[in-house]
Protein backbone atom coordinates (compact mmCIF):
# COMPACT_ATOMS: atom_id res chain seq x y z
CA MET A 1 75.22 72.43 98.14
CA LYS A 2 77.55 73.48 100.93
CA TYR A 3 78.27 70.70 103.42
CA ARG A 4 78.88 71.45 107.08
CA ILE A 5 81.40 68.85 108.26
CA LEU A 6 82.25 68.33 111.93
CA ILE A 7 85.30 66.51 113.31
CA CYS A 8 85.82 65.68 116.98
CA ASP A 9 88.75 63.82 118.54
CA ASP A 10 90.30 64.40 121.97
CA ASN A 11 93.76 63.58 120.61
CA ARG A 12 95.09 66.72 118.96
CA ILE A 13 97.46 64.81 116.67
CA GLU A 14 94.69 62.49 115.48
CA LEU A 15 92.36 65.47 115.09
CA ARG A 16 94.90 67.17 112.82
CA ILE A 17 95.35 64.00 110.76
CA ILE A 18 91.60 63.59 110.21
CA TYR A 19 91.24 67.27 109.35
CA THR A 20 94.05 67.01 106.79
CA TYR A 21 92.40 64.01 105.12
CA VAL A 22 89.01 65.72 104.98
CA GLN A 23 90.51 68.97 103.69
CA THR A 24 92.46 67.06 101.02
CA PHE A 25 89.44 65.14 99.77
CA VAL A 26 87.20 68.22 99.82
CA ALA A 27 89.70 69.92 97.49
CA MET A 28 90.30 66.79 95.41
CA TYR A 29 86.60 66.31 94.65
CA LYS A 30 85.86 70.04 94.47
CA GLN A 31 83.24 69.99 97.20
CA ASN A 32 81.87 73.13 98.83
CA ALA A 33 82.37 72.44 102.52
CA GLU A 34 82.80 74.13 105.87
CA ILE A 35 85.06 72.03 108.13
CA ASN A 36 84.77 72.48 111.90
CA THR A 37 87.22 70.76 114.28
CA PHE A 38 86.75 70.19 118.01
CA PHE A 39 88.98 68.83 120.75
CA ASN A 40 86.22 68.23 123.29
CA ALA A 41 82.59 67.13 123.26
CA GLN A 42 81.17 70.08 125.17
CA ASP A 43 82.20 72.51 122.44
CA VAL A 44 80.53 70.26 119.87
CA ILE A 45 77.30 70.21 121.90
CA LYS A 46 77.17 74.02 121.99
CA PHE A 47 78.02 74.28 118.30
CA CYS A 48 75.44 71.85 116.96
CA GLU A 49 72.57 73.31 119.01
CA THR A 50 72.33 76.22 116.54
CA ARG A 51 73.89 74.79 113.38
CA PRO A 52 72.73 71.82 111.28
CA ILE A 53 75.49 69.25 110.66
CA ASP A 54 75.66 67.24 107.42
CA ILE A 55 78.58 64.91 108.16
CA ALA A 56 80.28 64.13 111.49
CA PHE A 57 83.60 62.29 111.92
CA LEU A 58 83.72 61.24 115.57
CA ASP A 59 86.06 59.35 117.86
CA ILE A 60 84.20 56.81 120.02
CA ASN A 61 86.53 56.45 122.98
CA MET A 62 87.16 59.95 124.22
CA ASP A 63 88.55 60.60 127.69
CA GLU A 64 85.55 62.69 128.70
CA GLU A 65 83.60 60.37 130.98
CA GLU A 66 80.42 62.40 130.76
CA CYS A 67 80.28 62.27 126.96
CA SER A 68 81.58 59.35 124.90
CA GLY A 69 81.56 59.45 121.11
CA ILE A 70 78.32 57.46 121.12
CA LYS A 71 76.61 59.94 123.44
CA LEU A 72 77.94 62.82 121.37
CA ALA A 73 76.57 61.27 118.17
CA ARG A 74 73.20 60.86 119.87
CA HIS A 75 73.21 64.54 120.89
CA ILE A 76 74.08 65.66 117.34
CA LEU A 77 71.22 63.54 115.99
CA GLN A 78 68.77 65.37 118.22
CA HIS A 79 69.60 68.65 116.49
CA SER A 80 70.57 67.33 113.03
CA PRO A 81 68.41 64.24 112.43
CA LYS A 82 69.76 63.83 108.88
CA VAL A 83 73.44 63.86 109.89
CA VAL A 84 75.76 61.24 108.40
CA ASN A 85 77.78 59.85 111.33
CA VAL A 86 81.19 58.29 110.63
CA PHE A 87 83.26 56.89 113.51
CA VAL A 88 87.04 57.18 113.26
CA THR A 89 88.44 55.25 116.20
CA GLY A 90 90.89 52.66 117.40
CA GLU A 91 88.33 50.53 119.19
CA MET A 92 84.89 49.57 117.98
CA ALA A 93 81.92 49.95 120.32
CA SER A 94 79.26 47.29 120.62
CA VAL A 95 77.07 46.85 117.55
CA PRO A 96 73.78 47.82 119.29
CA GLU A 97 75.34 51.09 120.51
CA VAL A 98 76.66 51.98 117.07
CA PHE A 99 73.37 51.27 115.32
CA SER A 100 71.45 53.23 117.95
CA VAL A 101 73.07 56.43 116.64
CA ARG A 102 72.71 55.48 112.96
CA CYS A 103 76.42 54.94 112.30
CA PHE A 104 76.90 55.29 108.52
CA ASP A 105 80.51 54.13 108.36
CA TYR A 106 83.49 53.15 110.50
CA ILE A 107 87.18 53.92 109.93
CA GLN A 108 89.78 52.05 111.96
CA LYS A 109 92.85 53.77 113.41
CA PRO A 110 95.63 53.96 112.36
CA ILE A 111 93.92 55.46 109.34
CA ASP A 112 94.40 54.01 105.89
CA SER A 113 94.19 56.87 103.38
CA GLU A 114 92.43 54.82 100.70
CA LYS A 115 89.77 53.56 103.12
CA PHE A 116 89.24 57.10 104.38
CA ARG A 117 88.90 58.36 100.80
CA LEU A 118 86.22 55.78 100.00
CA SER A 119 84.40 56.51 103.25
CA PHE A 120 84.49 60.24 102.49
CA ILE A 121 82.97 59.68 99.04
CA ARG A 122 80.18 57.52 100.48
CA ALA A 123 79.44 60.09 103.18
CA ILE A 124 79.24 62.95 100.67
CA LYS A 125 76.92 60.93 98.41
CA GLN A 126 74.68 60.07 101.37
CA ALA A 127 74.54 63.69 102.54
CA SER A 128 73.64 64.72 98.99
CA VAL A 129 70.80 62.19 98.86
CA VAL A 130 69.49 63.45 102.21
CA ASN A 131 69.65 67.06 101.04
CA ASN A 132 67.74 66.28 97.85
CA ALA A 133 65.11 64.49 99.89
CA GLN A 134 64.74 67.56 102.10
CA SER A 135 64.25 69.85 99.09
CA THR A 136 61.31 67.73 97.93
CA ALA A 137 59.91 67.11 101.41
CA SER A 138 56.13 67.31 101.74
CA LEU A 139 53.78 68.22 104.54
CA MET A 140 50.61 66.18 104.96
CA ILE A 141 47.69 68.27 106.24
CA THR A 142 43.94 67.82 106.70
CA VAL A 143 41.66 70.31 104.95
CA ASP A 144 37.87 69.93 105.32
CA ASN A 145 38.36 66.34 106.51
CA LEU A 146 40.43 65.51 103.44
CA LYS A 147 44.14 64.69 103.41
CA LYS A 148 46.29 66.98 101.30
CA LYS A 149 50.01 66.92 100.58
CA ILE A 150 51.90 70.15 99.95
CA ARG A 151 55.59 70.57 99.17
CA GLN A 152 57.31 72.32 102.06
CA SER A 153 59.40 74.49 99.73
CA THR A 154 56.16 76.11 98.46
CA ILE A 155 55.26 77.41 101.94
CA SER A 156 56.05 81.07 102.62
CA TYR A 157 54.95 81.18 106.27
CA ILE A 158 52.46 79.75 108.75
CA GLU A 159 50.57 81.94 111.20
CA LYS A 160 48.23 81.14 114.06
CA GLU A 161 44.75 82.66 113.76
CA LEU A 162 42.51 81.89 116.74
CA ALA A 163 42.00 78.10 116.79
CA ARG A 164 43.39 77.61 113.30
CA SER A 165 46.72 77.84 111.54
CA LYS A 166 46.97 79.80 108.29
CA ILE A 167 49.41 78.37 105.74
CA VAL A 168 50.42 80.98 103.16
CA LEU A 169 52.03 79.60 100.01
CA ASN A 170 54.53 81.39 97.78
CA ASN A 171 51.86 81.88 95.11
CA GLY A 172 49.59 83.69 97.57
CA GLU A 173 47.21 80.78 98.18
CA ILE A 174 46.00 80.49 101.78
CA ILE A 175 45.08 77.21 103.48
CA TYR A 176 43.43 77.04 106.90
CA ILE A 177 43.85 73.93 109.04
CA TYR A 178 43.12 72.91 112.61
CA GLU A 179 46.61 72.04 113.79
CA THR A 180 48.79 73.87 116.28
CA ILE A 181 51.87 75.86 115.38
CA LYS A 182 53.93 73.61 117.67
CA SER A 183 52.75 70.46 115.91
CA LEU A 184 53.42 71.89 112.46
CA TYR A 185 56.87 73.16 113.40
CA GLU A 186 57.86 69.69 114.61
CA ARG A 187 56.97 68.25 111.20
CA LEU A 188 58.82 70.80 109.11
CA GLU A 189 62.40 70.54 107.87
CA GLN A 190 65.30 72.67 109.10
CA ASP A 191 64.76 75.50 106.57
CA PHE A 192 61.89 76.79 108.72
CA ILE A 193 62.23 78.90 111.84
CA GLN A 194 59.74 79.99 114.47
CA VAL A 195 60.02 83.75 115.07
CA ASN A 196 57.37 84.18 117.76
CA GLN A 197 54.64 82.18 119.48
CA SER A 198 52.36 82.44 116.43
CA VAL A 199 54.54 82.45 113.30
CA ILE A 200 56.77 79.99 111.42
CA ILE A 201 58.69 81.23 108.36
CA ASN A 202 60.45 79.57 105.46
CA MET A 203 63.91 81.15 105.73
CA SER A 204 64.31 81.32 101.96
CA ASN A 205 61.63 84.04 102.02
CA ILE A 206 63.32 86.23 104.63
CA ALA A 207 64.88 89.47 103.35
CA ASP A 208 66.14 90.78 106.67
CA MET A 209 66.00 90.17 110.40
CA ASN A 210 66.88 93.18 112.50
CA LYS A 211 65.77 95.21 115.54
CA GLY A 212 63.05 92.81 116.57
CA VAL A 213 61.44 92.66 113.12
CA VAL A 214 61.49 89.96 110.44
CA LEU A 215 61.02 91.31 106.92
CA LEU A 216 59.95 88.95 104.14
CA LYS A 217 60.88 89.45 100.50
CA ASN A 218 57.25 90.25 99.66
CA GLY A 219 57.22 93.09 102.20
CA THR A 220 55.33 91.26 104.96
CA THR A 221 56.73 91.88 108.44
CA PHE A 222 56.50 89.99 111.72
CA VAL A 223 57.59 90.77 115.25
CA LEU A 224 60.61 88.75 116.37
CA GLY A 225 59.69 87.45 119.81
CA ARG A 226 62.18 88.20 122.57
CA THR A 227 62.61 84.56 123.56
CA PHE A 228 63.14 83.59 119.89
CA VAL A 229 65.76 86.21 118.98
CA LYS A 230 68.96 84.19 119.46
CA THR A 231 67.69 80.94 117.98
CA ALA A 232 66.10 82.66 114.99
CA LYS A 233 69.10 84.89 114.21
CA ASP A 234 71.59 82.03 114.54
CA ALA A 235 69.49 79.80 112.30
CA PHE A 236 69.06 82.54 109.66
CA ASN A 237 72.75 83.45 109.67
CA ASN A 238 73.67 79.78 109.17
CA PHE A 239 71.06 79.41 106.43
CA GLN A 240 72.57 82.34 104.51
CA MET A 241 75.95 80.62 104.46
CA PHE A 242 74.68 77.89 102.11
């Protein structure tokens, strides 16, 4: 697994220190990781809107009045609900605020290298657990008034057909259900992307995405809707990095 790690601190010296620790421990424990550093919250907000984050090291008390570390963590959670949030800060926020953004760990400044190392290990283990849970995630559907559970990784794509949604599995099996594309998309994990108003695709089945067309590995093609182009391409490009 490749971890996408995000670090944000409005103090450039502190930001460099945290980055150095993370970089050191990534190498020490031979982890495959992409480390992204940010000096201000607004850049983080733009970044995480199109890229899933696995672990975030955040300062709580940033100078930006419009976006504290708590608010930033909340924004990241909206786009990466499985993110492991670790606060690295000189002053602890109130307990209710911290728990409201699912704080996984807390590192006090000035940073103690051993405490940071232990926190890093715990964060990596937690992110790994979350990732494994995602790979075995299921989707509960209703077929002929009966509940049925299917593993999300077995889904090739989902397509709207009149009042129904057609779920096509990797083995060619087709399941029809009465549930909207919007509702299904909200219940799927991040490896799925909506490419137009009527189609959701498992990105592991995409061979290419170019010139307004999405080509699947089995040769099936779909039109890439104009309003979905940027989101879909960004998501697919990020998916290919793992």
